[in-house]
Amino acid sequence: MTEEKTNWGGARAGAGRKSFGGKMRSLRMTDFEYDFVRDALKKIRAGVETLDVAAYRTEWNPKEKD
């Protein structure tokens, strides 16, 4: 009798997503906070040293909901 190898419950080699090196995190926040965090991340990744919340607040325009 030939022994067949089955893969019950295990991951296949090469299956799944590649890691980007960071963790997924979940937070509840207002629309303003979400937009500010996205903008702040873009600036931080571009090398900006300081972030001005007051200036961002005056420029911020809430998006309309559908």
PDB file of N, CA and C in Angstrom:
ATOM      1  N   MET A   1       0.841  -1.171   0.000  1.00  0.00           N
ATOM      2  CA  MET A   1       0.000   0.000   0.000  1.00  0.00           C
ATOM      3  C   MET A   1       0.889   1.238   0.000  1.00  0.00           C
ATOM      4  N   THR A   2       0.556   2.205  -0.870  1.00  0.00           N
ATOM      5  CA  THR A   2       1.344   3.429  -0.988  1.00  0.00           C
ATOM      6  C   THR A   2       0.878   4.435   0.057  1.00  0.00           C
ATOM      7  N   GLU A   3       1.834   5.002   0.742  1.00  0.00           N
ATOM      8  CA  GLU A   3       1.499   5.988   1.771  1.00  0.00           C
ATOM      9  C   GLU A   3       1.417   7.366   1.126  1.00  0.00           C
ATOM     10  N   GLU A   4       0.241   8.002   1.258  1.00  0.00           N
ATOM     11  CA  GLU A   4       0.057   9.341   0.712  1.00  0.00           C
ATOM     12  C   GLU A   4       0.264  10.366   1.818  1.00  0.00           C
ATOM     13  N   LYS A   5       0.954  11.436   1.476  1.00  0.00           N
ATOM     14  CA  LYS A   5       1.141  12.505   2.453  1.00  0.00           C
ATOM     15  C   LYS A   5       0.034  13.520   2.268  1.00  0.00           C
ATOM     16  N   THR A   6      -0.643  13.817   3.334  1.00  0.00           N
ATOM     17  CA  THR A   6      -1.688  14.836   3.295  1.00  0.00           C
ATOM     18  C   THR A   6      -1.282  15.973   4.209  1.00  0.00           C
ATOM     19  N   ASN A   7      -1.776  17.106   3.911  1.00  0.00           N
ATOM     20  CA  ASN A   7      -1.451  18.289   4.691  1.00  0.00           C
ATOM     21  C   ASN A   7      -2.733  18.814   5.314  1.00  0.00           C
ATOM     22  N   TRP A   8      -3.121  18.235   6.410  1.00  0.00           N
ATOM     23  CA  TRP A   8      -4.348  18.644   7.075  1.00  0.00           C
ATOM     24  C   TRP A   8      -4.062  19.721   8.101  1.00  0.00           C
ATOM     25  N   GLY A   9      -4.587  20.923   7.851  1.00  0.00           N
ATOM     26  CA  GLY A   9      -4.502  21.997   8.830  1.00  0.00           C
ATOM     27  C   GLY A   9      -3.214  22.787   8.818  1.00  0.00           C
ATOM     28  N   GLY A  10      -2.233  22.372   8.064  1.00  0.00           N
ATOM     29  CA  GLY A  10      -0.973  23.105   8.035  1.00  0.00           C
ATOM     30  C   GLY A  10      -0.908  24.048   6.845  1.00  0.00           C
ATOM     31  N   ALA A  11      -0.012  25.018   6.933  1.00  0.00           N
ATOM     32  CA  ALA A  11       0.147  25.976   5.836  1.00  0.00           C
ATOM     33  C   ALA A  11       0.981  25.370   4.715  1.00  0.00           C
ATOM     34  N   ARG A  12       0.633  25.698   3.496  1.00  0.00           N
ATOM     35  CA  ARG A  12       1.431  25.270   2.354  1.00  0.00           C
ATOM     36  C   ARG A  12       2.676  26.141   2.267  1.00  0.00           C
ATOM     37  N   ALA A  13       3.711  25.589   1.749  1.00  0.00           N
ATOM     38  CA  ALA A  13       4.933  26.371   1.553  1.00  0.00           C
ATOM     39  C   ALA A  13       4.659  27.482   0.553  1.00  0.00           C
ATOM     40  N   GLY A  14       5.023  28.714   0.891  1.00  0.00           N
ATOM     41  CA  GLY A  14       4.823  29.847  -0.008  1.00  0.00           C
ATOM     42  C   GLY A  14       3.436  30.456   0.054  1.00  0.00           C
ATOM     43  N   ALA A  15       2.569  29.936   0.893  1.00  0.00           N
ATOM     44  CA  ALA A  15       1.216  30.471   0.985  1.00  0.00           C
ATOM     45  C   ALA A  15       1.177  31.624   1.978  1.00  0.00           C
ATOM     46  N   GLY A  16       0.237  32.503   1.788  1.00  0.00           N
ATOM     47  CA  GLY A  16       0.044  33.603   2.733  1.00  0.00           C
ATOM     48  C   GLY A  16       0.696  34.890   2.266  1.00  0.00           C
ATOM     49  N   ARG A  17       0.465  35.935   3.041  1.00  0.00           N
ATOM     50  CA  ARG A  17       1.002  37.246   2.711  1.00  0.00           C
ATOM     51  C   ARG A  17       2.408  37.411   3.263  1.00  0.00           C
ATOM     52  N   LYS A  18       3.179  38.206   2.570  1.00  0.00           N
ATOM     53  CA  LYS A  18       4.509  38.536   3.046  1.00  0.00           C
ATOM     54  C   LYS A  18       4.398  39.606   4.124  1.00  0.00           C
ATOM     55  N   SER A  19       5.259  39.557   5.107  1.00  0.00           N
ATOM     56  CA  SER A  19       5.246  40.527   6.186  1.00  0.00           C
ATOM     57  C   SER A  19       5.895  41.828   5.741  1.00  0.00           C
ATOM     58  N   PHE A  20       5.307  42.935   6.130  1.00  0.00           N
ATOM     59  CA  PHE A  20       5.895  44.242   5.859  1.00  0.00           C
ATOM     60  C   PHE A  20       6.745  44.707   7.025  1.00  0.00           C
ATOM     61  N   GLY A  21       6.823  43.927   8.077  1.00  0.00           N
ATOM     62  CA  GLY A  21       7.663  44.265   9.209  1.00  0.00           C
ATOM     63  C   GLY A  21       6.955  45.044  10.304  1.00  0.00           C
ATOM     64  N   GLY A  22       5.722  45.460  10.090  1.00  0.00           N
ATOM     65  CA  GLY A  22       4.992  46.214  11.104  1.00  0.00           C
ATOM     66  C   GLY A  22       3.774  45.446  11.564  1.00  0.00           C
ATOM     67  N   LYS A  23       3.222  45.885  12.673  1.00  0.00           N
ATOM     68  CA  LYS A  23       2.014  45.245  13.188  1.00  0.00           C
ATOM     69  C   LYS A  23       0.788  46.023  12.756  1.00  0.00           C
ATOM     70  N   MET A  24      -0.304  45.312  12.541  1.00  0.00           N
ATOM     71  CA  MET A  24      -1.585  45.948  12.314  1.00  0.00           C
ATOM     72  C   MET A  24      -2.122  46.353  13.673  1.00  0.00           C
ATOM     73  N   ARG A  25      -2.610  47.572  13.749  1.00  0.00           N
ATOM     74  CA  ARG A  25      -3.180  48.038  15.011  1.00  0.00           C
ATOM     75  C   ARG A  25      -4.536  48.655  14.729  1.00  0.00           C
ATOM     76  N   SER A  26      -5.383  48.632  15.717  1.00  0.00           N
ATOM     77  CA  SER A  26      -6.727  49.152  15.558  1.00  0.00           C
ATOM     78  C   SER A  26      -7.018  50.174  16.651  1.00  0.00           C
ATOM     79  N   LEU A  27      -7.448  51.355  16.246  1.00  0.00           N
ATOM     80  CA  LEU A  27      -7.835  52.407  17.187  1.00  0.00           C
ATOM     81  C   LEU A  27      -9.123  53.058  16.700  1.00  0.00           C
ATOM     82  N   ARG A  28      -9.935  53.497  17.622  1.00  0.00           N
ATOM     83  CA  ARG A  28     -11.107  54.275  17.254  1.00  0.00           C
ATOM     84  C   ARG A  28     -10.723  55.746  17.335  1.00  0.00           C
ATOM     85  N   MET A  29     -11.046  56.496  16.275  1.00  0.00           N
ATOM     86  CA  MET A  29     -10.714  57.911  16.272  1.00  0.00           C
ATOM     87  C   MET A  29     -11.705  58.684  15.418  1.00  0.00           C
ATOM     88  N   THR A  30     -11.732  59.992  15.640  1.00  0.00           N
ATOM     89  CA  THR A  30     -12.626  60.853  14.869  1.00  0.00           C
ATOM     90  C   THR A  30     -12.058  61.022  13.464  1.00  0.00           C
ATOM     91  N   ASP A  31     -12.867  61.596  12.571  1.00  0.00           N
ATOM     92  CA  ASP A  31     -12.400  61.845  11.210  1.00  0.00           C
ATOM     93  C   ASP A  31     -11.207  62.786  11.201  1.00  0.00           C
ATOM     94  N   PHE A  32     -11.257  63.828  12.059  1.00  0.00           N
ATOM     95  CA  PHE A  32     -10.132  64.770  12.136  1.00  0.00           C
ATOM     96  C   PHE A  32      -8.861  64.052  12.577  1.00  0.00           C
ATOM     97  N   GLU A  33      -8.963  63.240  13.615  1.00  0.00           N
ATOM     98  CA  GLU A  33      -7.784  62.518  14.116  1.00  0.00           C
ATOM     99  C   GLU A  33      -7.222  61.587  13.053  1.00  0.00           C
ATOM    100  N   TYR A  34      -8.086  60.894  12.339  1.00  0.00           N
ATOM    101  CA  TYR A  34      -7.648  59.976  11.288  1.00  0.00           C
ATOM    102  C   TYR A  34      -6.897  60.729  10.190  1.00  0.00           C
ATOM    103  N   ASP A  35      -7.480  61.838   9.732  1.00  0.00           N
ATOM    104  CA  ASP A  35      -6.839  62.624   8.680  1.00  0.00           C
ATOM    105  C   ASP A  35      -5.509  63.203   9.162  1.00  0.00           C
ATOM    106  N   PHE A  36      -5.465  63.661  10.416  1.00  0.00           N
ATOM    107  CA  PHE A  36      -4.222  64.213  10.962  1.00  0.00           C
ATOM    108  C   PHE A  36      -3.138  63.142  11.052  1.00  0.00           C
ATOM    109  N   VAL A  37      -3.488  61.960  11.517  1.00  0.00           N
ATOM    110  CA  VAL A  37      -2.508  60.880  11.655  1.00  0.00           C
ATOM    111  C   VAL A  37      -1.964  60.483  10.285  1.00  0.00           C
ATOM    112  N   ARG A  38      -2.826  60.377   9.294  1.00  0.00           N
ATOM    113  CA  ARG A  38      -2.357  60.045   7.941  1.00  0.00           C
ATOM    114  C   ARG A  38      -1.394  61.099   7.419  1.00  0.00           C
ATOM    115  N   ASP A  39      -1.762  62.375   7.608  1.00  0.00           N
ATOM    116  CA  ASP A  39      -0.904  63.466   7.162  1.00  0.00           C
ATOM    117  C   ASP A  39       0.419  63.473   7.936  1.00  0.00           C
ATOM    118  N   ALA A  40       0.338  63.237   9.242  1.00  0.00           N
ATOM    119  CA  ALA A  40       1.544  63.218  10.075  1.00  0.00           C
ATOM    120  C   ALA A  40       2.483  62.093   9.651  1.00  0.00           C
ATOM    121  N   LEU A  41       1.946  60.917   9.346  1.00  0.00           N
ATOM    122  CA  LEU A  41       2.791  59.810   8.899  1.00  0.00           C
ATOM    123  C   LEU A  41       3.491  60.133   7.581  1.00  0.00           C
ATOM    124  N   LYS A  42       2.770  60.757   6.668  1.00  0.00           N
ATOM    125  CA  LYS A  42       3.392  61.151   5.404  1.00  0.00           C
ATOM    126  C   LYS A  42       4.546  62.107   5.647  1.00  0.00           C
ATOM    127  N   LYS A  43       4.328  63.081   6.551  1.00  0.00           N
ATOM    128  CA  LYS A  43       5.369  64.064   6.837  1.00  0.00           C
ATOM    129  C   LYS A  43       6.552  63.435   7.566  1.00  0.00           C
ATOM    130  N   ILE A  44       6.277  62.563   8.516  1.00  0.00           N
ATOM    131  CA  ILE A  44       7.354  61.894   9.267  1.00  0.00           C
ATOM    132  C   ILE A  44       8.206  61.061   8.320  1.00  0.00           C
ATOM    133  N   ARG A  45       7.564  60.339   7.419  1.00  0.00           N
ATOM    134  CA  ARG A  45       8.299  59.505   6.465  1.00  0.00           C
ATOM    135  C   ARG A  45       9.091  60.347   5.468  1.00  0.00           C
ATOM    136  N   ALA A  46       8.659  61.599   5.262  1.00  0.00           N
ATOM    137  CA  ALA A  46       9.374  62.504   4.364  1.00  0.00           C
ATOM    138  C   ALA A  46      10.500  63.241   5.084  1.00  0.00           C
ATOM    139  N   GLY A  47      10.583  63.098   6.413  1.00  0.00           N
ATOM    140  CA  GLY A  47      11.685  63.689   7.161  1.00  0.00           C
ATOM    141  C   GLY A  47      11.377  64.981   7.886  1.00  0.00           C
ATOM    142  N   VAL A  48      10.107  65.363   7.994  1.00  0.00           N
ATOM    143  CA  VAL A  48       9.750  66.589   8.707  1.00  0.00           C
ATOM    144  C   VAL A  48      10.035  66.401  10.196  1.00  0.00           C
ATOM    145  N   GLU A  49      10.597  67.422  10.830  1.00  0.00           N
ATOM    146  CA  GLU A  49      10.982  67.328  12.245  1.00  0.00           C
ATOM    147  C   GLU A  49       9.854  67.706  13.199  1.00  0.00           C
ATOM    148  N   THR A  50       8.998  68.673  12.831  1.00  0.00           N
ATOM    149  CA  THR A  50       7.937  69.117  13.742  1.00  0.00           C
ATOM    150  C   THR A  50       6.581  69.068  13.046  1.00  0.00           C
ATOM    151  N   LEU A  51       5.559  68.842  13.829  1.00  0.00           N
ATOM    152  CA  LEU A  51       4.182  68.813  13.345  1.00  0.00           C
ATOM    153  C   LEU A  51       3.389  69.861  14.109  1.00  0.00           C
ATOM    154  N   ASP A  52       2.594  70.638  13.405  1.00  0.00           N
ATOM    155  CA  ASP A  52       1.807  71.701  14.027  1.00  0.00           C
ATOM    156  C   ASP A  52       0.327  71.348  13.952  1.00  0.00           C
ATOM    157  N   VAL A  53      -0.228  70.932  15.075  1.00  0.00           N
ATOM    158  CA  VAL A  53      -1.637  70.511  15.112  1.00  0.00           C
ATOM    159  C   VAL A  53      -2.557  71.695  14.864  1.00  0.00           C
ATOM    160  N   ALA A  54      -2.243  72.847  15.452  1.00  0.00           N
ATOM    161  CA  ALA A  54      -3.099  74.030  15.293  1.00  0.00           C
ATOM    162  C   ALA A  54      -3.176  74.452  13.828  1.00  0.00           C
ATOM    163  N   ALA A  55      -2.047  74.437  13.126  1.00  0.00           N
ATOM    164  CA  ALA A  55      -2.048  74.804  11.707  1.00  0.00           C
ATOM    165  C   ALA A  55      -2.838  73.786  10.898  1.00  0.00           C
ATOM    166  N   TYR A  56      -2.697  72.520  11.209  1.00  0.00           N
ATOM    167  CA  TYR A  56      -3.449  71.488  10.477  1.00  0.00           C
ATOM    168  C   TYR A  56      -4.949  71.658  10.721  1.00  0.00           C
ATOM    169  N   ARG A  57      -5.321  71.994  11.954  1.00  0.00           N
ATOM    170  CA  ARG A  57      -6.739  72.146  12.297  1.00  0.00           C
ATOM    171  C   ARG A  57      -7.382  73.272  11.488  1.00  0.00           C
ATOM    172  N   THR A  58      -6.648  74.378  11.258  1.00  0.00           N
ATOM    173  CA  THR A  58      -7.219  75.492  10.490  1.00  0.00           C
ATOM    174  C   THR A  58      -7.347  75.144   9.012  1.00  0.00           C
ATOM    175  N   GLU A  59      -6.470  74.272   8.499  1.00  0.00           N
ATOM    176  CA  GLU A  59      -6.507  73.873   7.092  1.00  0.00           C
ATOM    177  C   GLU A  59      -7.449  72.715   6.811  1.00  0.00           C
ATOM    178  N   TRP A  60      -7.827  71.982   7.854  1.00  0.00           N
ATOM    179  CA  TRP A  60      -8.579  70.738   7.682  1.00  0.00           C
ATOM    180  C   TRP A  60      -9.995  71.004   7.194  1.00  0.00           C
ATOM    181  N   ASN A  61     -10.400  70.238   6.175  1.00  0.00           N
ATOM    182  CA  ASN A  61     -11.769  70.283   5.649  1.00  0.00           C
ATOM    183  C   ASN A  61     -12.371  68.908   5.769  1.00  0.00           C
ATOM    184  N   PRO A  62     -13.445  68.765   6.574  1.00  0.00           N
ATOM    185  CA  PRO A  62     -14.047  67.433   6.696  1.00  0.00           C
ATOM    186  C   PRO A  62     -14.624  66.971   5.366  1.00  0.00           C
ATOM    187  N   LYS A  63     -14.460  65.679   5.113  1.00  0.00           N
ATOM    188  CA  LYS A  63     -15.017  65.096   3.885  1.00  0.00           C
ATOM    189  C   LYS A  63     -16.484  64.783   4.103  1.00  0.00           C
ATOM    190  N   GLU A  64     -17.271  64.963   3.062  1.00  0.00           N
ATOM    191  CA  GLU A  64     -18.699  64.665   3.159  1.00  0.00           C
ATOM    192  C   GLU A  64     -18.943  63.177   3.080  1.00  0.00           C
ATOM    193  N   LYS A  65     -19.884  62.686   3.879  1.00  0.00           N
ATOM    194  CA  LYS A  65     -20.243  61.272   3.846  1.00  0.00           C
ATOM    195  C   LYS A  65     -21.278  61.029   2.773  1.00  0.00           C
ATOM    196  N   ASP A  66     -21.207  59.870   2.160  1.00  0.00           N
ATOM    197  CA  ASP A  66     -22.162  59.511   1.099  1.00  0.00           C
ATOM    198  C   ASP A  66     -23.506  59.180   1.672  1.00  0.00           C
TER     199      ASP A  66
END
